[in-house]
Every structure is written in C-alpha cells, then in structure tokens.
C-alpha cells in the first residue's frame, strides 16, 4: 500500500514498507507515477509467507522492479543476491536511491534495462523470479514464451501478479501451480518449474 510522505511541490512521493528481515519496518520512497503500482502489504506478506523457507540464500530476479517492493523485501529477508530490472530511467534512479538508503549492499544489482531483452541474453539460473509487469499492457504474453528458453532450473519458483481480467494467460507447460490468491482487482500465483 502506498503511503503519502512529505515531498517537494514538484513530485508527489509515496513509500513502501519492508515487512520483515534485516530492514523490518523501513519505509522506502516511491515515485507516484502513472503505472507504478507497488504490491500491497497484504499480498506481499502472503507471498513471503509462501516463500518463507525458500528466500534465504536464494538468487532472486525481480524482472519488472517498479517500486522495488518485492526485490527489497527479498534482500531484507536474506536472499543471497537480488537482481532488479527496470526500464524507465526515473524509476531506475529512484531504485538506486533506495539502495543507497539501505547501505548500498553489493548483493543488490539494479539494472536499467529492457526485461524482455534481459531474458534473451542472460544465463544466470535463479531460484526465485518475480513477475509483476505493468498492468493492461499484455506483457505476460511476451514473457511466458521467453521463460521456456530462459535459464531456470528445476524447482525455480516463479511469482506472477496480474490483473484479474488477464488471469487466463497461460504460463509455460513446465510451470506447476503451487499457490494462488486474489485481492481486489489483482490475482497472484506462485509456480514451481518442472524441467
């Protein structure tokens, strides 16, 4: 949930809260921009309860980082390394600022890149992948086919958050539905990869 904090007259700024881990309770600034939609605390808490035994010492990829809510939470909860991809320059700079506020940790890698190109060129095998792309742009239809070629491994966990009206977009056949939930106009699912 975005909370309003005092800001300059030119930019309205909100915040996201880290729920648990090393930086529990820490609020990080988020630009209040059209299309930037942080995962709510309620959904995030459910997700990280699902990931309770998987996140520590994992390699995580936050493919459409946006506010950074999921990537920063994974880092706070002990992920070995978190890679965050964000194409929009101003949002990317905001993520860099948040990284500095957390002490500029070396295991937080924030990239200013196109997520689809990243999938085509990267060969790292991740343990947890977060997919929370901008809503109503049909990006998952492009992402899912690429994931079949992407360097995932058996038991990789893939989290997908999307608008309810696009719930029927089909993931790769190697994805086994593990957990799912709904909140308002959002549906969210956790898949296990079966290679």
N, C-alpha and C. Protein backbone atom coordinates (compact mmCIF):
# COMPACT_ATOMS: atom_id res chain seq x y z
N UNK A 1 0.85 -1.17 0.00
CA UNK A 1 0.00 0.00 0.00
C UNK A 1 0.89 1.24 0.00
N UNK A 2 0.67 2.19 -0.92
CA UNK A 2 1.44 3.43 -0.93
C UNK A 2 0.93 4.34 0.17
N UNK A 3 1.87 4.86 0.94
CA UNK A 3 1.54 5.84 1.96
C UNK A 3 2.17 7.16 1.56
N UNK A 4 1.46 8.25 1.76
CA UNK A 4 1.98 9.56 1.40
C UNK A 4 3.00 10.04 2.42
N UNK A 5 4.10 10.58 1.93
CA UNK A 5 5.07 11.22 2.80
C UNK A 5 5.35 12.60 2.28
N UNK A 6 5.91 13.45 3.12
CA UNK A 6 6.17 14.84 2.73
C UNK A 6 7.15 14.86 1.56
N UNK A 7 6.90 15.71 0.58
CA UNK A 7 7.74 15.76 -0.60
C UNK A 7 7.81 17.19 -1.11
N UNK A 8 8.65 17.35 -2.15
CA UNK A 8 8.75 18.67 -2.77
C UNK A 8 7.46 18.94 -3.53
N UNK A 9 7.15 20.22 -3.81
CA UNK A 9 5.92 20.52 -4.52
C UNK A 9 5.89 19.94 -5.93
N UNK A 10 7.07 19.67 -6.50
CA UNK A 10 7.12 19.20 -7.89
C UNK A 10 6.78 17.72 -8.03
N UNK A 11 7.13 16.90 -7.01
CA UNK A 11 6.93 15.46 -7.11
C UNK A 11 6.13 14.96 -5.93
N UNK A 12 5.06 14.25 -6.21
CA UNK A 12 4.34 13.58 -5.14
C UNK A 12 5.03 12.24 -4.92
N UNK A 13 5.39 11.96 -3.68
CA UNK A 13 6.14 10.75 -3.38
C UNK A 13 5.40 9.94 -2.33
N UNK A 14 5.39 8.62 -2.51
CA UNK A 14 4.83 7.72 -1.52
C UNK A 14 5.93 6.87 -0.93
N UNK A 15 5.56 5.78 -0.28
CA UNK A 15 6.57 4.90 0.28
C UNK A 15 6.06 3.47 0.28
N UNK A 16 7.00 2.54 0.29
CA UNK A 16 6.69 1.13 0.53
C UNK A 16 7.42 0.72 1.80
N UNK A 17 6.83 -0.22 2.50
CA UNK A 17 7.40 -0.66 3.78
C UNK A 17 7.98 -2.06 3.62
N UNK A 18 9.19 -2.24 4.13
CA UNK A 18 9.76 -3.58 4.22
C UNK A 18 9.15 -4.26 5.44
N UNK A 19 8.55 -5.41 5.22
CA UNK A 19 7.75 -6.05 6.27
C UNK A 19 8.60 -6.78 7.29
N UNK A 20 9.66 -7.46 6.83
CA UNK A 20 10.41 -8.30 7.76
C UNK A 20 11.87 -8.39 7.35
N UNK A 21 12.67 -8.99 8.23
CA UNK A 21 14.08 -9.21 7.94
C UNK A 21 14.99 -8.12 8.46
N UNK A 22 16.14 -7.99 7.83
CA UNK A 22 17.19 -7.06 8.25
C UNK A 22 16.70 -5.63 8.37
N UNK A 23 15.84 -5.20 7.45
CA UNK A 23 15.35 -3.82 7.42
C UNK A 23 13.87 -3.73 7.78
N UNK A 24 13.40 -4.61 8.65
CA UNK A 24 11.99 -4.67 9.05
C UNK A 24 11.49 -3.29 9.46
N UNK A 25 10.33 -2.91 8.89
CA UNK A 25 9.69 -1.64 9.23
C UNK A 25 10.22 -0.43 8.48
N UNK A 26 11.29 -0.61 7.72
CA UNK A 26 11.89 0.51 6.97
C UNK A 26 10.97 0.93 5.84
N UNK A 27 10.77 2.24 5.69
CA UNK A 27 9.98 2.77 4.58
C UNK A 27 10.93 3.34 3.53
N UNK A 28 10.67 2.99 2.29
CA UNK A 28 11.48 3.46 1.18
C UNK A 28 10.62 4.33 0.26
N UNK A 29 11.18 5.44 -0.22
CA UNK A 29 10.39 6.34 -1.08
C UNK A 29 10.07 5.72 -2.43
N UNK A 30 8.89 6.04 -2.93
CA UNK A 30 8.44 5.56 -4.24
C UNK A 30 7.84 6.74 -5.00
N UNK A 31 8.25 6.89 -6.24
CA UNK A 31 7.65 7.93 -7.07
C UNK A 31 6.18 7.62 -7.29
N UNK A 32 5.35 8.63 -7.23
CA UNK A 32 3.93 8.45 -7.50
C UNK A 32 3.71 8.72 -8.99
N UNK A 33 3.92 7.68 -9.80
CA UNK A 33 3.82 7.82 -11.25
C UNK A 33 2.72 6.93 -11.78
N UNK A 34 2.13 7.35 -12.87
CA UNK A 34 1.12 6.54 -13.54
C UNK A 34 1.73 5.20 -13.94
N UNK A 35 1.04 4.12 -13.61
CA UNK A 35 1.51 2.79 -13.97
C UNK A 35 2.41 2.16 -12.92
N UNK A 36 2.90 2.94 -11.96
CA UNK A 36 3.75 2.40 -10.90
C UNK A 36 2.83 1.96 -9.76
N UNK A 37 2.76 0.65 -9.57
CA UNK A 37 1.75 0.07 -8.68
C UNK A 37 2.43 -0.94 -7.75
N UNK A 38 2.93 -0.47 -6.59
CA UNK A 38 3.61 -1.40 -5.67
C UNK A 38 2.67 -2.50 -5.19
N UNK A 39 3.22 -3.69 -5.02
CA UNK A 39 2.47 -4.79 -4.43
C UNK A 39 2.04 -4.38 -3.02
N UNK A 40 0.77 -4.60 -2.70
CA UNK A 40 0.26 -4.18 -1.39
C UNK A 40 0.91 -5.01 -0.27
N UNK A 41 0.92 -4.44 0.93
CA UNK A 41 1.49 -5.16 2.08
C UNK A 41 0.79 -6.50 2.29
N UNK A 42 -0.52 -6.52 2.10
CA UNK A 42 -1.28 -7.76 2.32
C UNK A 42 -0.83 -8.87 1.38
N UNK A 43 -0.72 -8.55 0.10
CA UNK A 43 -0.29 -9.54 -0.89
C UNK A 43 1.17 -9.91 -0.66
N UNK A 44 2.00 -8.92 -0.39
CA UNK A 44 3.43 -9.17 -0.18
C UNK A 44 3.65 -10.08 1.03
N UNK A 45 2.91 -9.85 2.09
CA UNK A 45 3.05 -10.69 3.29
C UNK A 45 2.65 -12.13 2.98
N UNK A 46 1.56 -12.31 2.24
CA UNK A 46 1.15 -13.66 1.83
C UNK A 46 2.23 -14.33 1.00
N UNK A 47 2.75 -13.61 0.01
CA UNK A 47 3.78 -14.17 -0.87
C UNK A 47 4.99 -14.61 -0.07
N UNK A 48 5.49 -13.74 0.81
CA UNK A 48 6.71 -14.09 1.52
C UNK A 48 6.48 -15.13 2.62
N UNK A 49 5.24 -15.31 3.05
CA UNK A 49 4.92 -16.47 3.89
C UNK A 49 5.05 -17.75 3.07
N UNK A 50 4.59 -17.71 1.81
CA UNK A 50 4.77 -18.86 0.92
C UNK A 50 6.24 -19.17 0.70
N UNK A 51 7.06 -18.12 0.61
CA UNK A 51 8.48 -18.28 0.30
C UNK A 51 9.37 -18.40 1.54
N UNK A 52 8.75 -18.54 2.70
CA UNK A 52 9.46 -18.49 3.97
C UNK A 52 10.73 -19.36 4.01
N UNK A 53 10.65 -20.56 3.48
CA UNK A 53 11.78 -21.48 3.55
C UNK A 53 12.62 -21.49 2.27
N UNK A 54 12.30 -20.62 1.34
CA UNK A 54 12.98 -20.62 0.05
C UNK A 54 13.79 -19.36 -0.22
N UNK A 55 13.49 -18.27 0.47
CA UNK A 55 14.09 -16.98 0.09
C UNK A 55 15.51 -16.81 0.60
N UNK A 56 15.80 -17.31 1.82
CA UNK A 56 17.14 -17.13 2.39
C UNK A 56 18.18 -17.84 1.52
N UNK A 57 19.27 -17.12 1.21
CA UNK A 57 20.39 -17.62 0.40
C UNK A 57 20.01 -17.94 -1.04
N UNK A 58 18.89 -17.42 -1.50
CA UNK A 58 18.47 -17.68 -2.88
C UNK A 58 19.00 -16.60 -3.82
N UNK A 59 18.99 -16.93 -5.11
CA UNK A 59 19.26 -15.96 -6.17
C UNK A 59 17.91 -15.51 -6.71
N UNK A 60 17.62 -14.22 -6.60
CA UNK A 60 16.30 -13.71 -6.98
C UNK A 60 16.39 -12.75 -8.16
N UNK A 61 15.38 -12.80 -8.99
CA UNK A 61 15.25 -11.87 -10.11
C UNK A 61 13.90 -11.17 -10.00
N UNK A 62 13.94 -9.84 -9.90
CA UNK A 62 12.73 -9.02 -9.92
C UNK A 62 12.68 -8.38 -11.30
N UNK A 63 11.94 -9.01 -12.21
CA UNK A 63 12.06 -8.69 -13.64
C UNK A 63 11.46 -7.35 -14.03
N UNK A 64 10.40 -6.93 -13.38
CA UNK A 64 9.80 -5.61 -13.63
C UNK A 64 9.76 -4.89 -12.29
N UNK A 65 10.89 -4.37 -11.86
CA UNK A 65 11.08 -3.96 -10.46
C UNK A 65 10.12 -2.85 -10.03
N UNK A 66 9.89 -1.84 -10.86
CA UNK A 66 8.97 -0.76 -10.50
C UNK A 66 9.37 -0.09 -9.20
N UNK A 67 8.55 -0.22 -8.17
CA UNK A 67 8.83 0.39 -6.87
C UNK A 67 9.94 -0.33 -6.13
N UNK A 68 10.24 -1.56 -6.54
CA UNK A 68 11.26 -2.36 -5.84
C UNK A 68 10.73 -3.10 -4.64
N UNK A 69 9.44 -3.03 -4.41
CA UNK A 69 8.83 -3.61 -3.22
C UNK A 69 9.20 -5.08 -3.02
N UNK A 70 9.14 -5.89 -4.07
CA UNK A 70 9.42 -7.32 -3.95
C UNK A 70 10.92 -7.59 -3.82
N UNK A 71 11.71 -6.92 -4.64
CA UNK A 71 13.16 -7.13 -4.60
C UNK A 71 13.79 -6.71 -3.29
N UNK A 72 13.39 -5.55 -2.77
CA UNK A 72 13.94 -5.08 -1.50
C UNK A 72 13.49 -5.97 -0.34
N UNK A 73 12.27 -6.47 -0.41
CA UNK A 73 11.79 -7.39 0.63
C UNK A 73 12.61 -8.68 0.61
N UNK A 74 12.88 -9.21 -0.58
CA UNK A 74 13.68 -10.43 -0.70
C UNK A 74 15.09 -10.21 -0.14
N UNK A 75 15.68 -9.07 -0.47
CA UNK A 75 17.01 -8.73 0.06
C UNK A 75 16.98 -8.67 1.58
N UNK A 76 15.99 -7.98 2.15
CA UNK A 76 15.88 -7.83 3.60
C UNK A 76 15.73 -9.18 4.29
N UNK A 77 15.08 -10.12 3.60
CA UNK A 77 14.83 -11.44 4.21
C UNK A 77 15.95 -12.44 3.95
N UNK A 78 17.08 -11.98 3.45
CA UNK A 78 18.25 -12.84 3.39
C UNK A 78 18.56 -13.50 2.06
N UNK A 79 17.99 -13.00 0.96
CA UNK A 79 18.38 -13.54 -0.34
C UNK A 79 19.88 -13.33 -0.55
N UNK A 80 20.52 -14.29 -1.16
CA UNK A 80 21.97 -14.19 -1.41
C UNK A 80 22.28 -13.07 -2.38
N UNK A 81 21.45 -12.96 -3.41
CA UNK A 81 21.62 -11.89 -4.40
C UNK A 81 20.27 -11.58 -5.02
N UNK A 82 20.00 -10.30 -5.25
CA UNK A 82 18.76 -9.87 -5.90
C UNK A 82 19.12 -9.00 -7.09
N UNK A 83 18.66 -9.40 -8.28
CA UNK A 83 18.81 -8.61 -9.49
C UNK A 83 17.47 -7.98 -9.81
N UNK A 84 17.46 -6.67 -9.99
CA UNK A 84 16.23 -5.93 -10.28
C UNK A 84 16.37 -5.25 -11.63
N UNK A 85 15.40 -5.45 -12.51
CA UNK A 85 15.41 -4.85 -13.84
C UNK A 85 14.32 -3.77 -13.92
N UNK A 86 14.70 -2.60 -14.39
CA UNK A 86 13.73 -1.51 -14.56
C UNK A 86 14.12 -0.69 -15.77
N UNK A 87 13.20 -0.56 -16.72
CA UNK A 87 13.48 0.14 -17.97
C UNK A 87 13.37 1.65 -17.83
N UNK A 88 12.37 2.15 -17.13
CA UNK A 88 12.10 3.58 -17.06
C UNK A 88 13.16 4.27 -16.21
N UNK A 89 13.83 5.26 -16.79
CA UNK A 89 15.03 5.86 -16.19
C UNK A 89 14.76 6.51 -14.83
N UNK A 90 13.69 7.27 -14.72
CA UNK A 90 13.41 7.96 -13.46
C UNK A 90 13.11 6.96 -12.34
N UNK A 91 12.39 5.90 -12.68
CA UNK A 91 12.09 4.86 -11.70
C UNK A 91 13.36 4.11 -11.32
N UNK A 92 14.21 3.83 -12.30
CA UNK A 92 15.51 3.19 -12.04
C UNK A 92 16.34 4.04 -11.07
N UNK A 93 16.39 5.36 -11.29
CA UNK A 93 17.15 6.24 -10.40
C UNK A 93 16.57 6.22 -8.99
N UNK A 94 15.25 6.11 -8.88
CA UNK A 94 14.62 6.02 -7.57
C UNK A 94 15.04 4.73 -6.85
N UNK A 95 15.15 3.64 -7.61
CA UNK A 95 15.60 2.37 -7.03
C UNK A 95 17.04 2.49 -6.54
N UNK A 96 17.89 3.17 -7.31
CA UNK A 96 19.28 3.38 -6.88
C UNK A 96 19.33 4.17 -5.58
N UNK A 97 18.46 5.17 -5.47
CA UNK A 97 18.39 5.96 -4.25
C UNK A 97 17.99 5.09 -3.05
N UNK A 98 17.02 4.20 -3.25
CA UNK A 98 16.61 3.28 -2.18
C UNK A 98 17.75 2.35 -1.79
N UNK A 99 18.50 1.89 -2.77
CA UNK A 99 19.65 1.03 -2.48
C UNK A 99 20.65 1.76 -1.59
N UNK A 100 20.90 3.04 -1.88
CA UNK A 100 21.80 3.83 -1.04
C UNK A 100 21.26 3.96 0.38
N UNK A 101 19.95 4.15 0.51
CA UNK A 101 19.34 4.25 1.83
C UNK A 101 19.49 2.97 2.65
N UNK A 102 19.66 1.84 1.95
CA UNK A 102 19.85 0.55 2.62
C UNK A 102 21.32 0.22 2.83
N UNK A 103 22.20 1.19 2.56
CA UNK A 103 23.63 0.98 2.79
C UNK A 103 24.40 0.53 1.56
N UNK A 104 23.77 0.63 0.39
CA UNK A 104 24.40 0.29 -0.89
C UNK A 104 24.97 -1.14 -0.90
N UNK A 105 24.17 -2.13 -0.55
CA UNK A 105 24.67 -3.51 -0.47
C UNK A 105 25.12 -4.05 -1.82
N UNK A 106 26.20 -4.82 -1.82
CA UNK A 106 26.75 -5.35 -3.07
C UNK A 106 25.90 -6.47 -3.65
N UNK A 107 25.04 -7.07 -2.85
CA UNK A 107 24.21 -8.18 -3.36
C UNK A 107 22.84 -7.71 -3.86
N UNK A 108 22.71 -6.40 -4.09
CA UNK A 108 21.54 -5.83 -4.75
C UNK A 108 22.01 -5.25 -6.08
N UNK A 109 21.65 -5.88 -7.17
CA UNK A 109 22.11 -5.46 -8.50
C UNK A 109 20.92 -4.86 -9.25
N UNK A 110 20.94 -3.55 -9.45
CA UNK A 110 19.83 -2.86 -10.10
C UNK A 110 20.24 -2.46 -11.51
N UNK A 111 19.49 -2.96 -12.49
CA UNK A 111 19.84 -2.74 -13.89
C UNK A 111 18.80 -1.86 -14.58
N UNK A 112 19.29 -0.91 -15.39
CA UNK A 112 18.41 -0.09 -16.22
C UNK A 112 18.35 -0.78 -17.58
N UNK A 113 17.36 -1.67 -17.75
CA UNK A 113 17.34 -2.49 -18.96
C UNK A 113 15.92 -2.91 -19.30
N UNK A 114 15.75 -3.35 -20.53
CA UNK A 114 14.51 -3.92 -21.00
C UNK A 114 14.42 -5.37 -20.51
N UNK A 115 13.38 -5.69 -19.77
CA UNK A 115 13.27 -7.01 -19.16
C UNK A 115 13.20 -8.14 -20.20
N UNK A 116 12.55 -7.90 -21.32
CA UNK A 116 12.44 -8.94 -22.35
C UNK A 116 13.80 -9.22 -22.97
N UNK A 117 14.58 -8.16 -23.22
CA UNK A 117 15.95 -8.36 -23.74
C UNK A 117 16.82 -9.06 -22.71
N UNK A 118 16.63 -8.72 -21.44
CA UNK A 118 17.39 -9.37 -20.36
C UNK A 118 17.15 -10.88 -20.39
N UNK A 119 15.89 -11.30 -20.56
CA UNK A 119 15.58 -12.72 -20.61
C UNK A 119 16.28 -13.41 -21.79
N UNK A 120 16.42 -12.68 -22.89
CA UNK A 120 17.02 -13.27 -24.09
C UNK A 120 18.53 -13.39 -23.99
N UNK A 121 19.17 -12.58 -23.15
CA UNK A 121 20.64 -12.53 -23.13
C UNK A 121 21.27 -13.04 -21.84
N UNK A 122 20.50 -13.21 -20.79
CA UNK A 122 21.07 -13.60 -19.50
C UNK A 122 21.10 -15.12 -19.36
N UNK A 123 22.11 -15.64 -18.66
CA UNK A 123 22.21 -17.09 -18.50
C UNK A 123 22.27 -17.53 -17.03
N UNK A 124 22.06 -16.61 -16.09
CA UNK A 124 22.07 -16.97 -14.67
C UNK A 124 20.84 -17.82 -14.35
N UNK A 125 21.02 -18.80 -13.50
CA UNK A 125 19.90 -19.63 -13.07
C UNK A 125 19.41 -19.12 -11.72
N UNK A 126 18.18 -18.64 -11.69
CA UNK A 126 17.62 -18.05 -10.49
C UNK A 126 16.76 -19.05 -9.72
N UNK A 127 16.71 -18.85 -8.40
CA UNK A 127 15.88 -19.70 -7.55
C UNK A 127 14.46 -19.15 -7.44
N UNK A 128 14.33 -17.82 -7.43
CA UNK A 128 13.03 -17.16 -7.32
C UNK A 128 12.96 -16.04 -8.34
N UNK A 129 11.88 -16.01 -9.13
CA UNK A 129 11.68 -14.97 -10.13
C UNK A 129 10.35 -14.28 -9.84
N UNK A 130 10.38 -12.95 -9.74
CA UNK A 130 9.18 -12.16 -9.53
C UNK A 130 8.75 -11.54 -10.86
N UNK A 131 7.52 -11.79 -11.26
CA UNK A 131 6.95 -11.20 -12.49
C UNK A 131 5.73 -10.36 -12.10
N UNK A 132 5.93 -9.07 -12.02
CA UNK A 132 4.83 -8.15 -11.72
C UNK A 132 4.90 -7.00 -12.72
N UNK A 133 4.58 -7.29 -13.98
CA UNK A 133 4.73 -6.28 -15.03
C UNK A 133 3.63 -5.23 -14.96
N UNK A 134 3.82 -4.11 -15.67
CA UNK A 134 2.76 -3.09 -15.72
C UNK A 134 1.45 -3.71 -16.20
N UNK A 135 0.36 -3.31 -15.58
CA UNK A 135 -0.95 -3.87 -15.93
C UNK A 135 -1.43 -3.34 -17.28
N UNK A 136 -2.29 -4.12 -17.90
CA UNK A 136 -3.01 -3.78 -19.13
C UNK A 136 -2.09 -3.44 -20.30
N UNK A 137 -0.95 -4.11 -20.35
CA UNK A 137 -0.04 -3.95 -21.50
C UNK A 137 0.26 -5.29 -22.15
N UNK A 138 -0.37 -6.35 -21.67
CA UNK A 138 -0.22 -7.71 -22.23
C UNK A 138 1.23 -8.17 -22.28
N UNK A 139 2.04 -7.75 -21.32
CA UNK A 139 3.46 -8.11 -21.32
C UNK A 139 3.66 -9.59 -21.00
N UNK A 140 2.82 -10.16 -20.16
CA UNK A 140 3.00 -11.58 -19.81
C UNK A 140 2.89 -12.48 -21.03
N UNK A 141 2.11 -12.07 -22.03
CA UNK A 141 2.01 -12.86 -23.26
C UNK A 141 3.35 -12.94 -23.97
N UNK A 142 4.19 -11.92 -23.79
CA UNK A 142 5.53 -11.94 -24.38
C UNK A 142 6.53 -12.61 -23.46
N UNK A 143 6.34 -12.47 -22.14
CA UNK A 143 7.30 -13.00 -21.18
C UNK A 143 7.23 -14.52 -21.09
N UNK A 144 6.04 -15.09 -21.02
CA UNK A 144 5.91 -16.52 -20.80
C UNK A 144 6.64 -17.36 -21.86
N UNK A 145 6.51 -17.06 -23.17
CA UNK A 145 7.27 -17.85 -24.14
C UNK A 145 8.78 -17.76 -23.93
N UNK A 146 9.26 -16.59 -23.52
CA UNK A 146 10.70 -16.42 -23.28
C UNK A 146 11.17 -17.24 -22.09
N UNK A 147 10.31 -17.41 -21.11
CA UNK A 147 10.70 -18.16 -19.92
C UNK A 147 10.97 -19.63 -20.23
N UNK A 148 10.37 -20.14 -21.28
CA UNK A 148 10.65 -21.54 -21.64
C UNK A 148 12.08 -21.69 -22.14
N UNK A 149 12.68 -20.61 -22.64
CA UNK A 149 14.06 -20.63 -23.11
C UNK A 149 15.04 -20.10 -22.06
N UNK A 150 14.50 -19.43 -21.04
CA UNK A 150 15.34 -18.78 -20.04
C UNK A 150 16.00 -19.83 -19.14
N UNK A 151 17.15 -19.45 -18.60
CA UNK A 151 17.93 -20.40 -17.79
C UNK A 151 17.36 -20.53 -16.38
N UNK A 152 16.20 -21.14 -16.28
CA UNK A 152 15.69 -21.51 -14.96
C UNK A 152 16.12 -22.95 -14.69
N UNK A 153 15.88 -23.44 -13.52
CA UNK A 153 16.23 -24.81 -13.20
C UNK A 153 15.09 -25.46 -12.44
N UNK A 154 15.18 -26.75 -12.27
CA UNK A 154 14.12 -27.48 -11.56
C UNK A 154 13.93 -26.86 -10.18
N UNK A 155 12.69 -26.68 -9.81
CA UNK A 155 12.31 -26.11 -8.52
C UNK A 155 12.47 -24.60 -8.42
N UNK A 156 12.79 -23.92 -9.54
CA UNK A 156 12.71 -22.46 -9.52
C UNK A 156 11.27 -22.08 -9.21
N UNK A 157 11.11 -21.06 -8.38
CA UNK A 157 9.78 -20.56 -8.05
C UNK A 157 9.54 -19.27 -8.82
N UNK A 158 8.39 -19.18 -9.48
CA UNK A 158 8.05 -18.00 -10.29
C UNK A 158 6.75 -17.41 -9.75
N UNK A 159 6.85 -16.16 -9.28
CA UNK A 159 5.68 -15.45 -8.78
C UNK A 159 5.14 -14.56 -9.88
N UNK A 160 3.84 -14.64 -10.12
CA UNK A 160 3.18 -13.83 -11.16
C UNK A 160 2.05 -13.04 -10.52
N UNK A 161 2.09 -11.72 -10.73
CA UNK A 161 1.00 -10.85 -10.26
C UNK A 161 0.40 -10.17 -11.49
N UNK A 162 -0.92 -10.23 -11.63
CA UNK A 162 -1.55 -9.65 -12.81
C UNK A 162 -2.97 -9.22 -12.50
N UNK A 163 -3.54 -8.44 -13.39
CA UNK A 163 -4.92 -8.02 -13.24
C UNK A 163 -5.85 -9.21 -13.47
N UNK A 164 -6.94 -9.26 -12.74
CA UNK A 164 -7.84 -10.40 -12.78
C UNK A 164 -8.37 -10.67 -14.19
N UNK A 165 -8.60 -9.62 -14.98
CA UNK A 165 -9.17 -9.84 -16.31
C UNK A 165 -8.22 -10.58 -17.25
N UNK A 166 -6.92 -10.63 -16.91
CA UNK A 166 -5.96 -11.37 -17.74
C UNK A 166 -5.51 -12.66 -17.06
N UNK A 167 -6.30 -13.15 -16.14
CA UNK A 167 -5.92 -14.31 -15.35
C UNK A 167 -5.72 -15.56 -16.19
N UNK A 168 -6.34 -15.61 -17.35
CA UNK A 168 -6.30 -16.83 -18.16
C UNK A 168 -5.09 -16.92 -19.07
N UNK A 169 -4.19 -15.93 -19.03
CA UNK A 169 -2.96 -16.04 -19.82
C UNK A 169 -2.20 -17.27 -19.34
N UNK A 170 -1.82 -18.13 -20.28
CA UNK A 170 -1.27 -19.44 -19.93
C UNK A 170 0.24 -19.41 -19.77
N UNK A 171 0.74 -19.87 -18.62
CA UNK A 171 2.19 -19.96 -18.42
C UNK A 171 2.76 -21.17 -19.18
N UNK A 172 4.08 -21.30 -19.26
CA UNK A 172 4.66 -22.48 -19.92
C UNK A 172 4.19 -23.78 -19.29
N UNK A 173 4.17 -24.84 -20.06
CA UNK A 173 3.68 -26.13 -19.56
C UNK A 173 4.56 -26.69 -18.44
N UNK A 174 5.79 -26.21 -18.35
CA UNK A 174 6.69 -26.68 -17.29
C UNK A 174 6.40 -26.01 -15.95
N UNK A 175 5.46 -25.07 -15.91
CA UNK A 175 5.12 -24.37 -14.67
C UNK A 175 3.96 -25.09 -13.98
N UNK A 176 4.19 -25.52 -12.75
CA UNK A 176 3.16 -26.17 -11.96
C UNK A 176 2.64 -25.19 -10.92
N UNK A 177 1.32 -24.94 -10.92
CA UNK A 177 0.74 -24.02 -9.95
C UNK A 177 0.92 -24.56 -8.55
N UNK A 178 1.49 -23.73 -7.68
CA UNK A 178 1.82 -24.13 -6.31
C UNK A 178 0.88 -23.46 -5.30
N UNK A 179 0.70 -22.14 -5.44
CA UNK A 179 -0.18 -21.38 -4.55
C UNK A 179 -0.82 -20.27 -5.38
N UNK A 180 -2.00 -19.80 -4.94
CA UNK A 180 -2.63 -18.68 -5.62
C UNK A 180 -3.56 -17.93 -4.68
N UNK A 181 -3.83 -16.67 -5.04
CA UNK A 181 -4.73 -15.85 -4.24
C UNK A 181 -5.26 -14.68 -5.06
N UNK A 182 -6.23 -13.99 -4.49
CA UNK A 182 -6.80 -12.80 -5.13
C UNK A 182 -6.97 -11.71 -4.08
N UNK A 183 -6.79 -10.47 -4.51
CA UNK A 183 -7.01 -9.32 -3.63
C UNK A 183 -7.48 -8.16 -4.49
N UNK A 184 -8.73 -7.74 -4.32
CA UNK A 184 -9.27 -6.66 -5.14
C UNK A 184 -9.27 -7.05 -6.61
N UNK A 185 -8.64 -6.23 -7.44
CA UNK A 185 -8.57 -6.48 -8.89
C UNK A 185 -7.31 -7.22 -9.30
N UNK A 186 -6.60 -7.79 -8.32
CA UNK A 186 -5.31 -8.45 -8.58
C UNK A 186 -5.41 -9.94 -8.27
N UNK A 187 -4.83 -10.75 -9.15
CA UNK A 187 -4.64 -12.16 -8.82
C UNK A 187 -3.14 -12.43 -8.80
N UNK A 188 -2.73 -13.32 -7.93
CA UNK A 188 -1.30 -13.60 -7.79
C UNK A 188 -1.11 -15.10 -7.61
N UNK A 189 -0.06 -15.61 -8.26
CA UNK A 189 0.16 -17.05 -8.30
C UNK A 189 1.64 -17.35 -8.14
N UNK A 190 1.93 -18.45 -7.49
CA UNK A 190 3.29 -18.94 -7.34
C UNK A 190 3.39 -20.28 -8.04
N UNK A 191 4.34 -20.38 -8.96
CA UNK A 191 4.55 -21.59 -9.74
C UNK A 191 5.89 -22.23 -9.38
N UNK A 192 5.94 -23.56 -9.50
CA UNK A 192 7.20 -24.29 -9.44
C UNK A 192 7.54 -24.72 -10.85
N UNK A 193 8.81 -24.58 -11.21
CA UNK A 193 9.24 -25.00 -12.54
C UNK A 193 9.63 -26.47 -12.50
N UNK A 194 9.07 -27.25 -13.40
CA UNK A 194 9.41 -28.67 -13.53
C UNK A 194 10.14 -28.87 -14.85
N UNK A 195 11.44 -28.96 -14.81
CA UNK A 195 12.23 -29.08 -16.03
C UNK A 195 12.30 -30.54 -16.47
